[in-house]
Amino acid sequence: MEAQRITAPQDLEVAFAIRNKVFVEGQNVPAEAEHDAYDAAGATHYLARATDGVSCGAARWRKTEVGVKLERFAVLTEYRNQQAGAALLKQVLDDVDAAWPGVEVYLNAQLPAVRFYERHGFEKVGEMFEECDIQHYKMVRKPVS
């Protein structure tokens, strides 16, 4: 698995299609909630590809008033547990650390993804909450020592 920052418009459309399949079709998230203004401006987007070149995952990050927020991590069902999410997260964090060294990095993790993020250095903060009828925890990356 490999992940790269998106630079071509056609790759961005592929990422949006992956997100639509995972969130809108798979989790019944309203399309208007999944696709927002940050997609067009303010977010940096990524695409994961399997070893055969098939695009299988997508993610984005954006700078906020309180740090950098990781968002829209999506991996197609048939590619889960094959390191696509790990490849996306590593590339995103490498780029965030290069662009914004020392900034707080946070995300809202769906309940089934909490352990994944904990394995990659994030910790839950606060109480569980719901977004689009899906349970989440806010998670913050532990300081690198």
N, C-alpha and C. Protein backbone atom coordinates (compact mmCIF):
# COMPACT_ATOMS: atom_id res chain seq x y z
N MET A 1 0.84 -1.20 0.00
CA MET A 1 0.00 0.00 0.00
C MET A 1 0.87 1.24 0.00
N GLU A 2 0.43 2.22 -0.73
CA GLU A 2 1.10 3.51 -0.69
C GLU A 2 0.05 4.61 -0.68
N ALA A 3 0.41 5.73 -0.13
CA ALA A 3 -0.49 6.88 -0.10
C ALA A 3 0.27 8.11 -0.55
N GLN A 4 -0.43 8.97 -1.27
CA GLN A 4 0.19 10.19 -1.78
C GLN A 4 -0.79 11.36 -1.70
N ARG A 5 -0.21 12.53 -1.58
CA ARG A 5 -1.01 13.76 -1.64
C ARG A 5 -1.57 13.88 -3.05
N ILE A 6 -2.80 14.32 -3.14
CA ILE A 6 -3.46 14.47 -4.43
C ILE A 6 -3.05 15.80 -5.06
N THR A 7 -2.62 15.73 -6.32
CA THR A 7 -2.27 16.94 -7.06
C THR A 7 -3.07 17.07 -8.36
N ALA A 8 -3.71 15.99 -8.80
CA ALA A 8 -4.45 16.01 -10.06
C ALA A 8 -5.95 15.99 -9.80
N PRO A 9 -6.72 16.80 -10.54
CA PRO A 9 -8.17 16.85 -10.34
C PRO A 9 -8.85 15.48 -10.48
N GLN A 10 -8.37 14.65 -11.39
CA GLN A 10 -9.01 13.34 -11.57
C GLN A 10 -8.80 12.45 -10.34
N ASP A 11 -7.66 12.59 -9.65
CA ASP A 11 -7.44 11.83 -8.42
C ASP A 11 -8.36 12.32 -7.30
N LEU A 12 -8.63 13.62 -7.27
CA LEU A 12 -9.55 14.15 -6.28
C LEU A 12 -10.95 13.57 -6.49
N GLU A 13 -11.35 13.44 -7.73
CA GLU A 13 -12.66 12.84 -8.03
C GLU A 13 -12.71 11.38 -7.58
N VAL A 14 -11.60 10.66 -7.74
CA VAL A 14 -11.53 9.27 -7.27
C VAL A 14 -11.67 9.23 -5.74
N ALA A 15 -10.98 10.14 -5.06
CA ALA A 15 -11.08 10.20 -3.59
C ALA A 15 -12.51 10.49 -3.16
N PHE A 16 -13.18 11.42 -3.84
CA PHE A 16 -14.57 11.72 -3.50
C PHE A 16 -15.46 10.50 -3.73
N ALA A 17 -15.20 9.74 -4.78
CA ALA A 17 -15.99 8.53 -5.07
C ALA A 17 -15.79 7.48 -3.97
N ILE A 18 -14.56 7.34 -3.49
CA ILE A 18 -14.29 6.40 -2.39
C ILE A 18 -15.05 6.85 -1.14
N ARG A 19 -14.94 8.11 -0.81
CA ARG A 19 -15.64 8.64 0.37
C ARG A 19 -17.15 8.45 0.24
N ASN A 20 -17.70 8.68 -0.95
CA ASN A 20 -19.13 8.51 -1.17
C ASN A 20 -19.53 7.05 -0.93
N LYS A 21 -18.73 6.12 -1.45
CA LYS A 21 -19.05 4.70 -1.29
C LYS A 21 -18.99 4.30 0.19
N VAL A 22 -17.98 4.76 0.91
CA VAL A 22 -17.81 4.38 2.32
C VAL A 22 -18.83 5.08 3.21
N PHE A 23 -18.94 6.40 3.09
CA PHE A 23 -19.75 7.15 4.03
C PHE A 23 -21.23 7.24 3.63
N VAL A 24 -21.50 7.63 2.40
CA VAL A 24 -22.88 7.87 1.97
C VAL A 24 -23.59 6.53 1.73
N GLU A 25 -22.99 5.67 0.92
CA GLU A 25 -23.63 4.39 0.62
C GLU A 25 -23.48 3.40 1.78
N GLY A 26 -22.30 3.32 2.38
CA GLY A 26 -22.04 2.31 3.40
C GLY A 26 -22.54 2.66 4.78
N GLN A 27 -22.55 3.96 5.14
CA GLN A 27 -22.91 4.36 6.50
C GLN A 27 -24.12 5.29 6.56
N ASN A 28 -24.74 5.53 5.42
CA ASN A 28 -25.94 6.37 5.34
C ASN A 28 -25.72 7.80 5.83
N VAL A 29 -24.50 8.32 5.65
CA VAL A 29 -24.23 9.72 5.95
C VAL A 29 -24.85 10.56 4.83
N PRO A 30 -25.60 11.60 5.15
CA PRO A 30 -26.16 12.44 4.09
C PRO A 30 -25.05 13.03 3.20
N ALA A 31 -25.25 13.00 1.91
CA ALA A 31 -24.24 13.47 0.97
C ALA A 31 -23.83 14.91 1.27
N GLU A 32 -24.79 15.75 1.67
CA GLU A 32 -24.47 17.15 1.97
C GLU A 32 -23.63 17.30 3.22
N ALA A 33 -23.64 16.31 4.11
CA ALA A 33 -22.79 16.35 5.31
C ALA A 33 -21.40 15.81 5.00
N GLU A 34 -21.33 14.88 4.06
CA GLU A 34 -20.03 14.26 3.74
C GLU A 34 -19.16 15.21 2.90
N HIS A 35 -19.74 15.86 1.96
CA HIS A 35 -19.00 16.75 1.05
C HIS A 35 -19.26 18.19 1.50
N ASP A 36 -18.19 18.90 1.89
CA ASP A 36 -18.37 20.25 2.44
C ASP A 36 -17.47 21.26 1.75
N ALA A 37 -17.54 22.50 2.21
CA ALA A 37 -16.78 23.59 1.59
C ALA A 37 -15.27 23.39 1.68
N TYR A 38 -14.80 22.65 2.68
CA TYR A 38 -13.36 22.43 2.83
C TYR A 38 -12.80 21.54 1.72
N ASP A 39 -13.67 20.77 1.06
CA ASP A 39 -13.19 19.94 -0.04
C ASP A 39 -12.63 20.78 -1.17
N ALA A 40 -13.24 21.92 -1.42
CA ALA A 40 -12.82 22.78 -2.52
C ALA A 40 -11.70 23.73 -2.11
N ALA A 41 -11.69 24.12 -0.84
CA ALA A 41 -10.68 25.09 -0.40
C ALA A 41 -10.34 24.83 1.06
N GLY A 42 -9.07 24.76 1.35
CA GLY A 42 -8.64 24.65 2.73
C GLY A 42 -8.15 23.29 3.16
N ALA A 43 -8.51 22.23 2.44
CA ALA A 43 -8.08 20.89 2.83
C ALA A 43 -7.03 20.35 1.87
N THR A 44 -6.15 19.52 2.41
CA THR A 44 -5.16 18.80 1.61
C THR A 44 -5.63 17.36 1.55
N HIS A 45 -5.74 16.82 0.35
CA HIS A 45 -6.35 15.50 0.13
C HIS A 45 -5.30 14.45 -0.23
N TYR A 46 -5.65 13.18 0.08
CA TYR A 46 -4.76 12.04 -0.14
C TYR A 46 -5.52 10.87 -0.72
N LEU A 47 -4.77 10.01 -1.42
CA LEU A 47 -5.33 8.81 -2.02
C LEU A 47 -4.38 7.66 -1.70
N ALA A 48 -4.95 6.53 -1.29
CA ALA A 48 -4.16 5.31 -1.07
C ALA A 48 -4.39 4.38 -2.25
N ARG A 49 -3.32 3.70 -2.64
CA ARG A 49 -3.40 2.73 -3.73
C ARG A 49 -2.82 1.40 -3.27
N ALA A 50 -3.47 0.34 -3.70
CA ALA A 50 -2.98 -1.01 -3.41
C ALA A 50 -1.78 -1.29 -4.32
N THR A 51 -1.09 -2.38 -4.06
CA THR A 51 0.10 -2.72 -4.85
C THR A 51 -0.22 -2.91 -6.32
N ASP A 52 -1.47 -3.25 -6.65
CA ASP A 52 -1.85 -3.40 -8.06
C ASP A 52 -2.28 -2.08 -8.70
N GLY A 53 -2.15 -0.97 -7.93
CA GLY A 53 -2.46 0.35 -8.46
C GLY A 53 -3.90 0.79 -8.27
N VAL A 54 -4.75 -0.07 -7.72
CA VAL A 54 -6.15 0.28 -7.53
C VAL A 54 -6.27 1.29 -6.38
N SER A 55 -6.98 2.37 -6.61
CA SER A 55 -7.24 3.36 -5.57
C SER A 55 -8.23 2.77 -4.58
N CYS A 56 -7.88 2.79 -3.28
CA CYS A 56 -8.70 2.08 -2.30
C CYS A 56 -8.97 2.88 -1.03
N GLY A 57 -8.37 4.06 -0.88
CA GLY A 57 -8.59 4.84 0.33
C GLY A 57 -8.39 6.32 0.08
N ALA A 58 -8.96 7.12 0.97
CA ALA A 58 -8.87 8.58 0.84
C ALA A 58 -8.83 9.20 2.23
N ALA A 59 -8.29 10.40 2.30
CA ALA A 59 -8.23 11.16 3.55
C ALA A 59 -7.97 12.63 3.22
N ARG A 60 -8.14 13.46 4.24
CA ARG A 60 -7.79 14.87 4.09
C ARG A 60 -7.40 15.43 5.46
N TRP A 61 -6.72 16.58 5.44
CA TRP A 61 -6.45 17.34 6.66
C TRP A 61 -6.60 18.81 6.34
N ARG A 62 -6.83 19.58 7.42
CA ARG A 62 -6.93 21.02 7.25
C ARG A 62 -6.50 21.71 8.53
N LYS A 63 -5.98 22.89 8.37
CA LYS A 63 -5.56 23.73 9.50
C LYS A 63 -6.80 24.38 10.07
N THR A 64 -6.92 24.39 11.40
CA THR A 64 -8.03 25.05 12.09
C THR A 64 -7.43 26.04 13.09
N GLU A 65 -8.30 26.72 13.83
CA GLU A 65 -7.83 27.67 14.83
C GLU A 65 -7.08 26.99 15.98
N VAL A 66 -7.34 25.71 16.19
CA VAL A 66 -6.74 25.01 17.34
C VAL A 66 -5.69 23.97 16.96
N GLY A 67 -5.40 23.82 15.68
CA GLY A 67 -4.39 22.84 15.27
C GLY A 67 -4.65 22.35 13.86
N VAL A 68 -4.35 21.08 13.65
CA VAL A 68 -4.61 20.44 12.36
C VAL A 68 -5.60 19.30 12.61
N LYS A 69 -6.67 19.32 11.84
CA LYS A 69 -7.71 18.30 11.98
C LYS A 69 -7.62 17.31 10.83
N LEU A 70 -7.51 16.02 11.17
CA LEU A 70 -7.52 14.94 10.18
C LEU A 70 -8.98 14.53 9.98
N GLU A 71 -9.36 14.34 8.71
CA GLU A 71 -10.76 14.07 8.41
C GLU A 71 -10.91 13.13 7.23
N ARG A 72 -12.11 12.58 7.13
CA ARG A 72 -12.59 11.84 5.97
C ARG A 72 -11.69 10.66 5.60
N PHE A 73 -11.16 9.96 6.62
CA PHE A 73 -10.38 8.76 6.35
C PHE A 73 -11.36 7.65 5.96
N ALA A 74 -11.21 7.14 4.76
CA ALA A 74 -12.12 6.13 4.22
C ALA A 74 -11.33 5.09 3.45
N VAL A 75 -11.59 3.82 3.72
CA VAL A 75 -10.97 2.72 2.99
C VAL A 75 -12.09 1.81 2.50
N LEU A 76 -12.04 1.45 1.22
CA LEU A 76 -13.05 0.55 0.67
C LEU A 76 -13.04 -0.78 1.44
N THR A 77 -14.21 -1.34 1.64
CA THR A 77 -14.38 -2.53 2.47
C THR A 77 -13.41 -3.65 2.10
N GLU A 78 -13.26 -3.92 0.82
CA GLU A 78 -12.43 -5.05 0.38
C GLU A 78 -10.93 -4.82 0.59
N TYR A 79 -10.53 -3.61 0.98
CA TYR A 79 -9.12 -3.29 1.21
C TYR A 79 -8.81 -3.03 2.69
N ARG A 80 -9.78 -3.21 3.55
CA ARG A 80 -9.54 -2.97 4.98
C ARG A 80 -8.64 -4.07 5.55
N ASN A 81 -7.92 -3.72 6.61
CA ASN A 81 -6.98 -4.63 7.27
C ASN A 81 -5.84 -5.06 6.35
N GLN A 82 -5.50 -4.19 5.39
CA GLN A 82 -4.37 -4.43 4.49
C GLN A 82 -3.38 -3.26 4.51
N GLN A 83 -3.46 -2.42 5.53
CA GLN A 83 -2.54 -1.32 5.76
C GLN A 83 -2.82 -0.06 4.94
N ALA A 84 -3.96 0.02 4.27
CA ALA A 84 -4.29 1.24 3.53
C ALA A 84 -4.47 2.41 4.48
N GLY A 85 -5.19 2.20 5.58
CA GLY A 85 -5.39 3.26 6.56
C GLY A 85 -4.08 3.70 7.19
N ALA A 86 -3.21 2.74 7.49
CA ALA A 86 -1.91 3.06 8.08
C ALA A 86 -1.06 3.86 7.10
N ALA A 87 -1.09 3.50 5.82
CA ALA A 87 -0.32 4.23 4.81
C ALA A 87 -0.83 5.66 4.68
N LEU A 88 -2.16 5.83 4.67
CA LEU A 88 -2.74 7.17 4.61
C LEU A 88 -2.33 7.99 5.82
N LEU A 89 -2.50 7.41 7.01
CA LEU A 89 -2.19 8.15 8.24
C LEU A 89 -0.72 8.55 8.29
N LYS A 90 0.17 7.64 7.92
CA LYS A 90 1.61 7.96 7.94
C LYS A 90 1.93 9.11 7.00
N GLN A 91 1.41 9.06 5.77
CA GLN A 91 1.71 10.11 4.80
C GLN A 91 1.12 11.44 5.25
N VAL A 92 -0.10 11.41 5.75
CA VAL A 92 -0.73 12.64 6.23
C VAL A 92 0.09 13.24 7.38
N LEU A 93 0.44 12.41 8.36
CA LEU A 93 1.20 12.93 9.51
C LEU A 93 2.59 13.42 9.11
N ASP A 94 3.25 12.74 8.17
CA ASP A 94 4.54 13.22 7.68
C ASP A 94 4.40 14.62 7.08
N ASP A 95 3.36 14.81 6.26
CA ASP A 95 3.15 16.11 5.61
C ASP A 95 2.74 17.19 6.62
N VAL A 96 1.87 16.82 7.56
CA VAL A 96 1.45 17.79 8.58
C VAL A 96 2.65 18.22 9.41
N ASP A 97 3.49 17.25 9.83
CA ASP A 97 4.66 17.57 10.64
C ASP A 97 5.64 18.46 9.88
N ALA A 98 5.75 18.27 8.57
CA ALA A 98 6.64 19.11 7.76
C ALA A 98 6.07 20.52 7.62
N ALA A 99 4.76 20.62 7.45
CA ALA A 99 4.13 21.93 7.22
C ALA A 99 3.87 22.69 8.51
N TRP A 100 3.54 21.99 9.58
CA TRP A 100 3.14 22.62 10.84
C TRP A 100 3.81 21.91 12.02
N PRO A 101 5.13 21.98 12.13
CA PRO A 101 5.81 21.26 13.21
C PRO A 101 5.32 21.70 14.59
N GLY A 102 5.06 20.70 15.43
CA GLY A 102 4.67 20.97 16.80
C GLY A 102 3.21 21.31 17.01
N VAL A 103 2.42 21.42 15.96
CA VAL A 103 1.01 21.78 16.11
C VAL A 103 0.22 20.59 16.66
N GLU A 104 -0.86 20.90 17.39
CA GLU A 104 -1.73 19.82 17.87
C GLU A 104 -2.45 19.20 16.68
N VAL A 105 -2.46 17.86 16.64
CA VAL A 105 -3.15 17.12 15.58
C VAL A 105 -4.29 16.36 16.24
N TYR A 106 -5.48 16.52 15.70
CA TYR A 106 -6.65 15.88 16.30
C TYR A 106 -7.60 15.39 15.21
N LEU A 107 -8.57 14.58 15.63
CA LEU A 107 -9.56 14.02 14.71
C LEU A 107 -10.77 13.57 15.51
N ASN A 108 -11.84 13.30 14.81
CA ASN A 108 -13.03 12.69 15.41
C ASN A 108 -13.13 11.27 14.84
N ALA A 109 -12.85 10.29 15.70
CA ALA A 109 -12.80 8.89 15.26
C ALA A 109 -14.12 8.20 15.49
N GLN A 110 -14.59 7.50 14.47
CA GLN A 110 -15.75 6.63 14.66
C GLN A 110 -15.36 5.54 15.66
N LEU A 111 -16.32 5.10 16.43
CA LEU A 111 -16.06 4.13 17.50
C LEU A 111 -15.24 2.92 17.03
N PRO A 112 -15.55 2.28 15.89
CA PRO A 112 -14.75 1.13 15.48
C PRO A 112 -13.29 1.46 15.12
N ALA A 113 -12.99 2.73 14.87
CA ALA A 113 -11.63 3.12 14.48
C ALA A 113 -10.78 3.60 15.65
N VAL A 114 -11.34 3.68 16.84
CA VAL A 114 -10.61 4.22 17.99
C VAL A 114 -9.32 3.43 18.24
N ARG A 115 -9.39 2.12 18.26
CA ARG A 115 -8.19 1.31 18.53
C ARG A 115 -7.11 1.52 17.47
N PHE A 116 -7.52 1.66 16.21
CA PHE A 116 -6.57 1.94 15.14
C PHE A 116 -5.78 3.21 15.46
N TYR A 117 -6.48 4.27 15.80
CA TYR A 117 -5.81 5.54 16.09
C TYR A 117 -4.99 5.46 17.37
N GLU A 118 -5.45 4.71 18.36
CA GLU A 118 -4.65 4.53 19.57
C GLU A 118 -3.33 3.83 19.25
N ARG A 119 -3.36 2.85 18.38
CA ARG A 119 -2.12 2.16 17.98
C ARG A 119 -1.15 3.11 17.27
N HIS A 120 -1.67 4.19 16.72
CA HIS A 120 -0.85 5.14 15.97
C HIS A 120 -0.61 6.43 16.74
N GLY A 121 -0.73 6.36 18.09
CA GLY A 121 -0.29 7.47 18.92
C GLY A 121 -1.33 8.51 19.28
N PHE A 122 -2.61 8.20 19.11
CA PHE A 122 -3.67 9.13 19.49
C PHE A 122 -4.33 8.65 20.77
N GLU A 123 -4.93 9.60 21.50
CA GLU A 123 -5.67 9.23 22.70
C GLU A 123 -7.01 9.94 22.72
N LYS A 124 -8.01 9.28 23.30
CA LYS A 124 -9.34 9.86 23.41
C LYS A 124 -9.33 11.02 24.39
N VAL A 125 -10.09 12.05 24.07
CA VAL A 125 -10.31 13.16 24.99
C VAL A 125 -11.81 13.45 24.99
N GLY A 126 -12.36 13.63 26.18
CA GLY A 126 -13.77 13.95 26.27
C GLY A 126 -14.68 12.75 26.17
N GLU A 127 -15.95 13.05 26.12
CA GLU A 127 -17.00 12.03 26.08
C GLU A 127 -17.33 11.64 24.64
N MET A 128 -17.92 10.47 24.51
CA MET A 128 -18.39 10.03 23.21
C MET A 128 -19.49 10.98 22.74
N PHE A 129 -19.57 11.22 21.42
CA PHE A 129 -20.61 12.07 20.84
C PHE A 129 -21.04 11.47 19.52
N GLU A 130 -22.11 12.02 18.95
CA GLU A 130 -22.60 11.53 17.67
C GLU A 130 -22.50 12.61 16.61
N GLU A 131 -22.07 12.17 15.43
CA GLU A 131 -22.10 12.98 14.21
C GLU A 131 -22.79 12.11 13.16
N CYS A 132 -23.80 12.64 12.52
CA CYS A 132 -24.53 11.90 11.48
C CYS A 132 -24.99 10.53 12.00
N ASP A 133 -25.44 10.49 13.24
CA ASP A 133 -25.94 9.27 13.89
C ASP A 133 -24.86 8.19 14.03
N ILE A 134 -23.60 8.58 14.06
CA ILE A 134 -22.49 7.64 14.24
C ILE A 134 -21.71 8.07 15.48
N GLN A 135 -21.41 7.12 16.35
CA GLN A 135 -20.69 7.43 17.59
C GLN A 135 -19.21 7.71 17.29
N HIS A 136 -18.69 8.76 17.94
CA HIS A 136 -17.32 9.23 17.75
C HIS A 136 -16.68 9.59 19.09
N TYR A 137 -15.36 9.62 19.07
CA TYR A 137 -14.57 10.24 20.13
C TYR A 137 -13.62 11.23 19.49
N LYS A 138 -13.45 12.36 20.13
CA LYS A 138 -12.36 13.24 19.72
C LYS A 138 -11.07 12.57 20.18
N MET A 139 -10.06 12.59 19.33
CA MET A 139 -8.76 12.02 19.67
C MET A 139 -7.69 13.02 19.31
N VAL A 140 -6.65 13.07 20.14
CA VAL A 140 -5.54 13.99 19.95
C VAL A 140 -4.26 13.16 19.92
N ARG A 141 -3.36 13.56 19.02
CA ARG A 141 -2.07 12.86 18.97
C ARG A 141 -1.26 13.18 20.21
N LYS A 142 -0.75 12.14 20.82
CA LYS A 142 0.11 12.32 22.00
C LYS A 142 1.37 13.06 21.56
N PRO A 143 1.92 13.91 22.44
CA PRO A 143 3.16 14.61 22.09
C PRO A 143 4.27 13.61 21.79
N VAL A 144 5.03 13.91 20.75
CA VAL A 144 6.18 13.06 20.40
C VAL A 144 7.34 13.43 21.32
N SER A 145 7.89 12.41 21.98
CA SER A 145 8.99 12.71 22.93
C SER A 145 10.30 12.18 22.42
